[in-house]
C-alpha atoms as a PDB file:
ATOM      1  CA  MET A   1     -13.205  -8.224  42.099  1.00  0.00           C
ATOM      2  CA  THR A   2      -9.960  -6.307  42.414  1.00  0.00           C
ATOM      3  CA  SER A   3      -7.934  -9.079  40.790  1.00  0.00           C
ATOM      4  CA  LEU A   4     -10.299  -9.065  37.811  1.00  0.00           C
ATOM      5  CA  ASN A   5      -9.874  -5.298  37.479  1.00  0.00           C
ATOM      6  CA  ASP A   6      -6.103  -5.714  37.770  1.00  0.00           C
ATOM      7  CA  ARG A   7      -6.095  -8.312  35.001  1.00  0.00           C
ATOM      8  CA  GLU A   8      -8.241  -6.109  32.801  1.00  0.00           C
ATOM      9  CA  LYS A   9      -5.916  -3.156  33.376  1.00  0.00           C
ATOM     10  CA  ALA A  10      -2.880  -5.353  32.627  1.00  0.00           C
ATOM     11  CA  PHE A  11      -4.433  -6.484  29.332  1.00  0.00           C
ATOM     12  CA  GLU A  12      -5.244  -2.880  28.423  1.00  0.00           C
ATOM     13  CA  ASN A  13      -1.672  -1.829  29.200  1.00  0.00           C
ATOM     14  CA  LYS A  14      -0.252  -4.684  27.130  1.00  0.00           C
ATOM     15  CA  PHE A  15      -2.505  -3.815  24.216  1.00  0.00           C
ATOM     16  CA  ALA A  16      -1.465  -0.146  24.385  1.00  0.00           C
ATOM     17  CA  HIS A  17       2.204  -1.146  24.563  1.00  0.00           C
ATOM     18  CA  ASP A  18       1.859  -3.525  21.613  1.00  0.00           C
ATOM     19  CA  GLN A  19       0.134  -0.832  19.544  1.00  0.00           C
ATOM     20  CA  GLU A  20       2.887   1.659  20.375  1.00  0.00           C
ATOM     21  CA  MET A  21       5.574  -0.846  19.367  1.00  0.00           C
ATOM     22  CA  LYS A  22       3.714  -1.590  16.117  1.00  0.00           C
ATOM     23  CA  PHE A  23       3.496   2.135  15.326  1.00  0.00           C
ATOM     24  CA  LYS A  24       7.186   2.659  16.078  1.00  0.00           C
ATOM     25  CA  ALA A  25       8.203  -0.327  13.937  1.00  0.00           C
ATOM     26  CA  GLU A  26       6.081   0.837  10.992  1.00  0.00           C
ATOM     27  CA  ALA A  27       7.456   4.376  11.223  1.00  0.00           C
ATOM     28  CA  ARG A  28      11.019   3.021  11.452  1.00  0.00           C
ATOM     29  CA  ALA A  29      10.468   0.740   8.449  1.00  0.00           C
ATOM     30  CA  ASN A  30       9.086   3.658   6.430  1.00  0.00           C
ATOM     31  CA  LYS A  31      12.058   5.824   7.377  1.00  0.00           C
ATOM     32  CA  LEU A  32      14.459   3.066   6.339  1.00  0.00           C
ATOM     33  CA  LEU A  33      12.555   2.690   3.067  1.00  0.00           C
ATOM     34  CA  GLY A  34      12.792   6.432   2.522  1.00  0.00           C
ATOM     35  CA  LEU A  35      16.537   6.368   3.091  1.00  0.00           C
ATOM     36  CA  TRP A  36      16.895   3.435   0.690  1.00  0.00           C
ATOM     37  CA  ALA A  37      14.798   5.207  -1.944  1.00  0.00           C
ATOM     38  CA  ALA A  38      16.728   8.435  -1.445  1.00  0.00           C
ATOM     39  CA  GLU A  39      19.979   6.582  -2.074  1.00  0.00           C
ATOM     40  CA  LYS A  40      18.533   5.084  -5.270  1.00  0.00           C
ATOM     41  CA  MET A  41      17.584   8.595  -6.413  1.00  0.00           C
ATOM     42  CA  GLY A  42      21.006  10.030  -5.589  1.00  0.00           C
ATOM     43  CA  ILE A  43      19.792  12.004  -2.583  1.00  0.00           C
ATOM     44  CA  SER A  44      22.098  12.114   0.435  1.00  0.00           C
ATOM     45  CA  GLY A  45      22.727  13.835   3.749  1.00  0.00           C
ATOM     46  CA  ASP A  46      20.061  16.088   5.209  1.00  0.00           C
ATOM     47  CA  ASP A  47      18.085  15.891   1.972  1.00  0.00           C
ATOM     48  CA  ALA A  48      17.872  12.104   2.352  1.00  0.00           C
ATOM     49  CA  ASP A  49      16.614  12.503   5.922  1.00  0.00           C
ATOM     50  CA  ALA A  50      14.040  15.056   4.758  1.00  0.00           C
ATOM     51  CA  TYR A  51      12.896  12.719   1.978  1.00  0.00           C
ATOM     52  CA  ALA A  52      12.622   9.816   4.438  1.00  0.00           C
ATOM     53  CA  LYS A  53      10.301  11.962   6.571  1.00  0.00           C
ATOM     54  CA  THR A  54       8.014  12.471   3.578  1.00  0.00           C
ATOM     55  CA  VAL A  55       7.790   8.701   3.208  1.00  0.00           C
ATOM     56  CA  VAL A  56       6.865   8.337   6.888  1.00  0.00           C
ATOM     57  CA  ILE A  57       4.211  11.047   6.507  1.00  0.00           C
ATOM     58  CA  ALA A  58       2.810   9.335   3.395  1.00  0.00           C
ATOM     59  CA  ASP A  59       1.796   6.388   5.599  1.00  0.00           C
ATOM     60  CA  PHE A  60      -0.832   8.563   7.306  1.00  0.00           C
ATOM     61  CA  GLU A  61      -2.895   8.914   4.129  1.00  0.00           C
ATOM     62  CA  GLU A  62      -4.724   5.600   4.518  1.00  0.00           C
ATOM     63  CA  ALA A  63      -4.601   2.303   6.365  1.00  0.00           C
ATOM     64  CA  GLY A  64      -2.082  -0.226   5.128  1.00  0.00           C
ATOM     65  CA  HIS A  65       1.118   0.221   3.191  1.00  0.00           C
ATOM     66  CA  GLU A  66      -0.148   1.030  -0.287  1.00  0.00           C
ATOM     67  CA  ASP A  67       0.142   4.764   0.328  1.00  0.00           C
ATOM     68  CA  VAL A  68       3.848   4.338   1.100  1.00  0.00           C
ATOM     69  CA  PHE A  69       4.334   2.117  -1.939  1.00  0.00           C
ATOM     70  CA  ARG A  70       2.589   4.661  -4.198  1.00  0.00           C
ATOM     71  CA  LYS A  71       4.748   7.484  -2.814  1.00  0.00           C
ATOM     72  CA  VAL A  72       8.020   5.676  -3.509  1.00  0.00           C
ATOM     73  CA  ARG A  73       6.813   4.285  -6.859  1.00  0.00           C
ATOM     74  CA  GLY A  74       5.706   7.741  -7.976  1.00  0.00           C
ATOM     75  CA  ASP A  75       8.983   9.339  -6.924  1.00  0.00           C
ATOM     76  CA  PHE A  76      10.999   6.676  -8.730  1.00  0.00           C
ATOM     77  CA  ASP A  77       8.873   7.161 -11.851  1.00  0.00           C
ATOM     78  CA  ALA A  78       9.276  10.946 -11.680  1.00  0.00           C
ATOM     79  CA  LYS A  79      13.067  10.572 -11.555  1.00  0.00           C
ATOM     80  CA  ASN A  80      13.169   7.723 -14.116  1.00  0.00           C
ATOM     81  CA  ILE A  81      14.661   5.310 -11.572  1.00  0.00           C
ATOM     82  CA  ALA A  82      14.397   1.745 -12.854  1.00  0.00           C
ATOM     83  CA  VAL A  83      13.206  -0.204  -9.824  1.00  0.00           C
ATOM     84  CA  SER A  84      10.446  -2.782 -10.202  1.00  0.00           C
ATOM     85  CA  ASP A  85       7.315  -2.929  -8.071  1.00  0.00           C
ATOM     86  CA  GLU A  86       8.478  -6.316  -6.818  1.00  0.00           C
ATOM     87  CA  GLU A  87      11.814  -4.871  -5.687  1.00  0.00           C
ATOM     88  CA  ILE A  88      10.078  -2.065  -3.798  1.00  0.00           C
ATOM     89  CA  ARG A  89       7.667  -4.475  -2.100  1.00  0.00           C
ATOM     90  CA  ALA A  90      10.492  -6.891  -1.233  1.00  0.00           C
ATOM     91  CA  LYS A  91      12.489  -4.016   0.258  1.00  0.00           C
ATOM     92  CA  MET A  92       9.434  -2.906   2.251  1.00  0.00           C
ATOM     93  CA  LEU A  93       9.097  -6.403   3.710  1.00  0.00           C
ATOM     94  CA  GLU A  94      12.819  -6.705   4.429  1.00  0.00           C
ATOM     95  CA  LEU A  95      12.924  -3.332   6.155  1.00  0.00           C
ATOM     96  CA  ALA A  96       9.803  -4.139   8.195  1.00  0.00           C
ATOM     97  CA  HIS A  97      11.660  -7.114   9.670  1.00  0.00           C
ATOM     98  CA  ILE A  98      14.758  -5.020  10.321  1.00  0.00           C
ATOM     99  CA  ALA A  99      12.682  -2.294  11.979  1.00  0.00           C
ATOM    100  CA  ILE A 100      11.012  -4.822  14.296  1.00  0.00           C
ATOM    101  CA  GLU A 101      14.405  -6.210  15.301  1.00  0.00           C
ATOM    102  CA  GLN A 102      15.723  -2.699  15.961  1.00  0.00           C
ATOM    103  CA  ILE A 103      12.696  -1.724  18.064  1.00  0.00           C
ATOM    104  CA  GLN A 104      12.883  -4.941  20.094  1.00  0.00           C
ATOM    105  CA  ALA A 105      16.601  -4.366  20.738  1.00  0.00           C
ATOM    106  CA  GLU A 106      15.995  -0.919  22.238  1.00  0.00           C
END
């Protein structure tokens, strides 16, 4: 019975680890997206870092990535930055892959 309990505990630990890695990768991707968007809007330095944090925080509004998309889209619209929805979504996907690679390399 002990080996069954050990296997169950190992699966629970792996699941928890995988969830933590997923969370870290999503947060990293959102930060990278925020930095990219900040650059597009002419924001740099500490202000760019602060803006990137607002993008990360936007992801806590609802499940999925639409909240992040709406945040960046709305900010671009407010500043009259000509970036298409498709470009934002493509950048989100690209940065998600980069974030995963960065997290796995740590």
